[in-house]
C-alpha atoms as a PDB file:
ATOM      1  CA  UNK A   1      75.588  93.497 104.672  1.00  0.00           C
ATOM      2  CA  UNK A   2      77.303  96.914 104.799  1.00  0.00           C
ATOM      3  CA  UNK A   3      75.657  99.793 103.013  1.00  0.00           C
ATOM      4  CA  UNK A   4      77.495 102.310 100.819  1.00  0.00           C
ATOM      5  CA  UNK A   5      77.824 104.805 103.694  1.00  0.00           C
ATOM      6  CA  UNK A   6      79.479 102.207 105.920  1.00  0.00           C
ATOM      7  CA  UNK A   7      81.822 101.228 103.107  1.00  0.00           C
ATOM      8  CA  UNK A   8      82.815 104.847 102.515  1.00  0.00           C
ATOM      9  CA  UNK A   9      83.427 105.407 106.230  1.00  0.00           C
ATOM     10  CA  UNK A  10      85.672 102.354 106.292  1.00  0.00           C
ATOM     11  CA  UNK A  11      87.670 103.699 103.312  1.00  0.00           C
ATOM     12  CA  UNK A  12      88.050 107.103 104.977  1.00  0.00           C
ATOM     13  CA  UNK A  13      89.233 105.499 108.202  1.00  0.00           C
ATOM     14  CA  UNK A  14      91.885 103.510 106.330  1.00  0.00           C
ATOM     15  CA  UNK A  15      93.406 106.282 104.230  1.00  0.00           C
ATOM     16  CA  UNK A  16      91.462 109.541 103.783  1.00  0.00           C
ATOM     17  CA  UNK A  17      94.089 111.005 101.434  1.00  0.00           C
ATOM     18  CA  UNK A  18      93.399 108.162  99.020  1.00  0.00           C
ATOM     19  CA  UNK A  19      89.836 109.322  98.298  1.00  0.00           C
ATOM     20  CA  UNK A  20      89.545 112.044  95.670  1.00  0.00           C
ATOM     21  CA  UNK A  21      86.816 113.930  93.846  1.00  0.00           C
ATOM     22  CA  UNK A  22      86.965 115.589  90.429  1.00  0.00           C
ATOM     23  CA  UNK A  23      88.737 118.684  91.757  1.00  0.00           C
ATOM     24  CA  UNK A  24      91.437 116.686  93.569  1.00  0.00           C
ATOM     25  CA  UNK A  25      92.013 114.474  90.524  1.00  0.00           C
ATOM     26  CA  UNK A  26      92.329 117.550  88.309  1.00  0.00           C
ATOM     27  CA  UNK A  27      94.700 119.293  90.704  1.00  0.00           C
ATOM     28  CA  UNK A  28      96.950 116.242  91.014  1.00  0.00           C
ATOM     29  CA  UNK A  29      97.013 115.779  87.222  1.00  0.00           C
ATOM     30  CA  UNK A  30      97.618 119.487  86.618  1.00  0.00           C
ATOM     31  CA  UNK A  31      94.420 120.033  84.663  1.00  0.00           C
ATOM     32  CA  UNK A  32      90.851 121.269  85.175  1.00  0.00           C
ATOM     33  CA  UNK A  33      87.813 119.441  86.577  1.00  0.00           C
ATOM     34  CA  UNK A  34      86.205 119.922  83.147  1.00  0.00           C
ATOM     35  CA  UNK A  35      88.984 117.882  81.562  1.00  0.00           C
ATOM     36  CA  UNK A  36      88.376 115.078  84.053  1.00  0.00           C
ATOM     37  CA  UNK A  37      84.664 115.123  83.127  1.00  0.00           C
ATOM     38  CA  UNK A  38      85.650 114.798  79.454  1.00  0.00           C
ATOM     39  CA  UNK A  39      87.944 111.872  80.285  1.00  0.00           C
ATOM     40  CA  UNK A  40      85.059 110.139  82.076  1.00  0.00           C
ATOM     41  CA  UNK A  41      82.808 110.485  79.014  1.00  0.00           C
ATOM     42  CA  UNK A  42      85.482 109.759  76.429  1.00  0.00           C
ATOM     43  CA  UNK A  43      87.348 106.819  77.922  1.00  0.00           C
ATOM     44  CA  UNK A  44      84.679 104.169  78.227  1.00  0.00           C
ATOM     45  CA  UNK A  45      86.947 101.299  77.304  1.00  0.00           C
ATOM     46  CA  UNK A  46      87.836  99.736  73.988  1.00  0.00           C
ATOM     47  CA  UNK A  47      90.587  97.662  72.491  1.00  0.00           C
ATOM     48  CA  UNK A  48      92.607 100.830  71.790  1.00  0.00           C
ATOM     49  CA  UNK A  49      92.040 102.808  74.988  1.00  0.00           C
ATOM     50  CA  UNK A  50      91.475 102.069  78.655  1.00  0.00           C
ATOM     51  CA  UNK A  51      88.317 103.034  80.465  1.00  0.00           C
ATOM     52  CA  UNK A  52      88.273 105.690  83.153  1.00  0.00           C
ATOM     53  CA  UNK A  53      87.862 103.938  86.513  1.00  0.00           C
ATOM     54  CA  UNK A  54      84.417 103.734  88.068  1.00  0.00           C
ATOM     55  CA  UNK A  55      83.928 105.791  91.232  1.00  0.00           C
ATOM     56  CA  UNK A  56      84.379 104.050  94.575  1.00  0.00           C
ATOM     57  CA  UNK A  57      81.194 105.792  95.757  1.00  0.00           C
ATOM     58  CA  UNK A  58      78.614 108.318  94.620  1.00  0.00           C
ATOM     59  CA  UNK A  59      77.896 110.992  97.221  1.00  0.00           C
ATOM     60  CA  UNK A  60      75.462 113.901  97.128  1.00  0.00           C
ATOM     61  CA  UNK A  61      78.475 116.138  96.389  1.00  0.00           C
ATOM     62  CA  UNK A  62      79.514 113.897  93.497  1.00  0.00           C
ATOM     63  CA  UNK A  63      81.575 110.805  92.783  1.00  0.00           C
ATOM     64  CA  UNK A  64      84.727 109.873  94.688  1.00  0.00           C
ATOM     65  CA  UNK A  65      87.527 107.591  93.564  1.00  0.00           C
ATOM     66  CA  UNK A  66      90.468 105.843  95.134  1.00  0.00           C
ATOM     67  CA  UNK A  67      93.537 107.787  94.034  1.00  0.00           C
ATOM     68  CA  UNK A  68      95.484 104.624  93.176  1.00  0.00           C
ATOM     69  CA  UNK A  69      92.824 103.799  90.554  1.00  0.00           C
ATOM     70  CA  UNK A  70      92.894 107.198  88.792  1.00  0.00           C
ATOM     71  CA  UNK A  71      96.538 108.133  89.380  1.00  0.00           C
ATOM     72  CA  UNK A  72      97.834 106.292  86.325  1.00  0.00           C
ATOM     73  CA  UNK A  73      95.028 107.379  84.058  1.00  0.00           C
END
């Protein structure tokens, strides 16, 4: 069974530009990392609003997501 590190390395090998942290998400959405943190806390999923996607991995530097999962958020 692959561990989280192996999984992350496989994702990086496939498409490194597709992995983003809070700062990259904020930059691509034209907002601040603080706003992305608020979105993560606020949008937990309900009938009226979608939930912010779960990170693909949690690293010591923070969470990382696949851009395709947070792009439309």
